């Protein structure tokens, strides 16, 4: 889903991973030491998916999470 809540062009696994990374960085920043290893593994997995534009996926996920958290 995009920031407006519509389905993104990414696979479900890619999109959920990007959202999880965005949520951790935005909502759980103060607990970064607790989730940093999980985030590194997720980042490595995203890179292995060979997305056309990984940064665009991450940015879309950040915007989606910001909208849902009203940030």
C-alpha atoms as a PDB file:
ATOM      1  CA  UNK A   1       0.000   0.000   0.000  1.00  0.00           C
ATOM      2  CA  UNK A   2       1.161   3.512  -0.623  1.00  0.00           C
ATOM      3  CA  UNK A   3       0.785   6.536   1.652  1.00  0.00           C
ATOM      4  CA  UNK A   4      -2.844   6.820   0.596  1.00  0.00           C
ATOM      5  CA  UNK A   5      -3.455   3.199   1.554  1.00  0.00           C
ATOM      6  CA  UNK A   6      -3.444   1.806  -1.975  1.00  0.00           C
ATOM      7  CA  UNK A   7      -1.579  -1.368  -2.974  1.00  0.00           C
ATOM      8  CA  UNK A   8       2.016  -0.702  -3.946  1.00  0.00           C
ATOM      9  CA  UNK A   9       3.784  -2.255  -6.913  1.00  0.00           C
ATOM     10  CA  UNK A  10       6.106  -4.190  -4.582  1.00  0.00           C
ATOM     11  CA  UNK A  11       5.647  -7.802  -3.546  1.00  0.00           C
ATOM     12  CA  UNK A  12       3.947  -8.283  -0.194  1.00  0.00           C
ATOM     13  CA  UNK A  13       7.178  -9.515   1.423  1.00  0.00           C
ATOM     14  CA  UNK A  14       9.196  -6.553   0.171  1.00  0.00           C
ATOM     15  CA  UNK A  15       6.541  -4.054   1.207  1.00  0.00           C
ATOM     16  CA  UNK A  16       6.050  -5.513   4.701  1.00  0.00           C
ATOM     17  CA  UNK A  17       9.813  -5.570   5.248  1.00  0.00           C
ATOM     18  CA  UNK A  18      10.143  -1.941   4.165  1.00  0.00           C
ATOM     19  CA  UNK A  19       7.249  -0.934   6.429  1.00  0.00           C
ATOM     20  CA  UNK A  20       8.788  -2.778   9.385  1.00  0.00           C
ATOM     21  CA  UNK A  21      12.098  -0.975   8.850  1.00  0.00           C
ATOM     22  CA  UNK A  22      10.328   2.362   8.564  1.00  0.00           C
ATOM     23  CA  UNK A  23       8.257   1.722  11.693  1.00  0.00           C
ATOM     24  CA  UNK A  24      11.307   0.772  13.732  1.00  0.00           C
ATOM     25  CA  UNK A  25      13.224   3.864  12.644  1.00  0.00           C
ATOM     26  CA  UNK A  26      10.297   6.248  13.179  1.00  0.00           C
ATOM     27  CA  UNK A  27       8.426   4.879  16.176  1.00  0.00           C
ATOM     28  CA  UNK A  28      11.111   2.911  17.994  1.00  0.00           C
ATOM     29  CA  UNK A  29      14.194   5.070  17.489  1.00  0.00           C
ATOM     30  CA  UNK A  30      14.868   5.180  21.226  1.00  0.00           C
ATOM     31  CA  UNK A  31      15.120   1.369  21.232  1.00  0.00           C
ATOM     32  CA  UNK A  32      17.494   1.142  18.269  1.00  0.00           C
ATOM     33  CA  UNK A  33      19.980  -1.070  20.098  1.00  0.00           C
ATOM     34  CA  UNK A  34      17.199  -3.640  20.562  1.00  0.00           C
ATOM     35  CA  UNK A  35      16.272  -3.917  16.889  1.00  0.00           C
ATOM     36  CA  UNK A  36      19.444  -2.970  15.020  1.00  0.00           C
ATOM     37  CA  UNK A  37      20.476  -6.560  14.211  1.00  0.00           C
ATOM     38  CA  UNK A  38      17.006  -7.376  12.915  1.00  0.00           C
ATOM     39  CA  UNK A  39      17.084  -4.229  10.783  1.00  0.00           C
ATOM     40  CA  UNK A  40      20.477  -5.125   9.320  1.00  0.00           C
ATOM     41  CA  UNK A  41      19.170  -8.561   8.351  1.00  0.00           C
ATOM     42  CA  UNK A  42      16.064  -6.999   6.792  1.00  0.00           C
ATOM     43  CA  UNK A  43      18.187  -4.456   4.879  1.00  0.00           C
ATOM     44  CA  UNK A  44      20.391  -7.248   3.541  1.00  0.00           C
ATOM     45  CA  UNK A  45      17.312  -9.200   2.468  1.00  0.00           C
ATOM     46  CA  UNK A  46      15.854  -6.160   0.686  1.00  0.00           C
ATOM     47  CA  UNK A  47      19.129  -5.703  -1.178  1.00  0.00           C
ATOM     48  CA  UNK A  48      19.012  -9.353  -2.250  1.00  0.00           C
ATOM     49  CA  UNK A  49      15.643  -8.719  -3.928  1.00  0.00           C
ATOM     50  CA  UNK A  50      17.344  -6.566  -6.593  1.00  0.00           C
ATOM     51  CA  UNK A  51      14.634  -3.919  -6.652  1.00  0.00           C
ATOM     52  CA  UNK A  52      14.722  -1.450  -9.520  1.00  0.00           C
ATOM     53  CA  UNK A  53      14.684   1.418  -6.996  1.00  0.00           C
ATOM     54  CA  UNK A  54      15.197   0.250  -3.421  1.00  0.00           C
ATOM     55  CA  UNK A  55      15.403   3.820  -2.142  1.00  0.00           C
ATOM     56  CA  UNK A  56      11.991   4.641  -3.613  1.00  0.00           C
ATOM     57  CA  UNK A  57      10.517   1.603  -1.868  1.00  0.00           C
ATOM     58  CA  UNK A  58      11.997   2.679   1.469  1.00  0.00           C
ATOM     59  CA  UNK A  59      10.814   6.248   1.007  1.00  0.00           C
ATOM     60  CA  UNK A  60       7.283   5.073   0.156  1.00  0.00           C
ATOM     61  CA  UNK A  61       7.268   2.891   3.257  1.00  0.00           C
ATOM     62  CA  UNK A  62       8.467   5.823   5.381  1.00  0.00           C
ATOM     63  CA  UNK A  63       5.654   8.015   4.037  1.00  0.00           C
ATOM     64  CA  UNK A  64       3.111   5.239   4.616  1.00  0.00           C
ATOM     65  CA  UNK A  65       4.199   4.789   8.236  1.00  0.00           C
ATOM     66  CA  UNK A  66       4.291   8.545   8.838  1.00  0.00           C
ATOM     67  CA  UNK A  67       0.722   8.823   7.540  1.00  0.00           C
ATOM     68  CA  UNK A  68      -0.478   5.962   9.735  1.00  0.00           C
ATOM     69  CA  UNK A  69       1.284   7.381  12.816  1.00  0.00           C
ATOM     70  CA  UNK A  70       0.157  10.930  11.996  1.00  0.00           C
ATOM     71  CA  UNK A  71       3.729  12.237  11.981  1.00  0.00           C
END
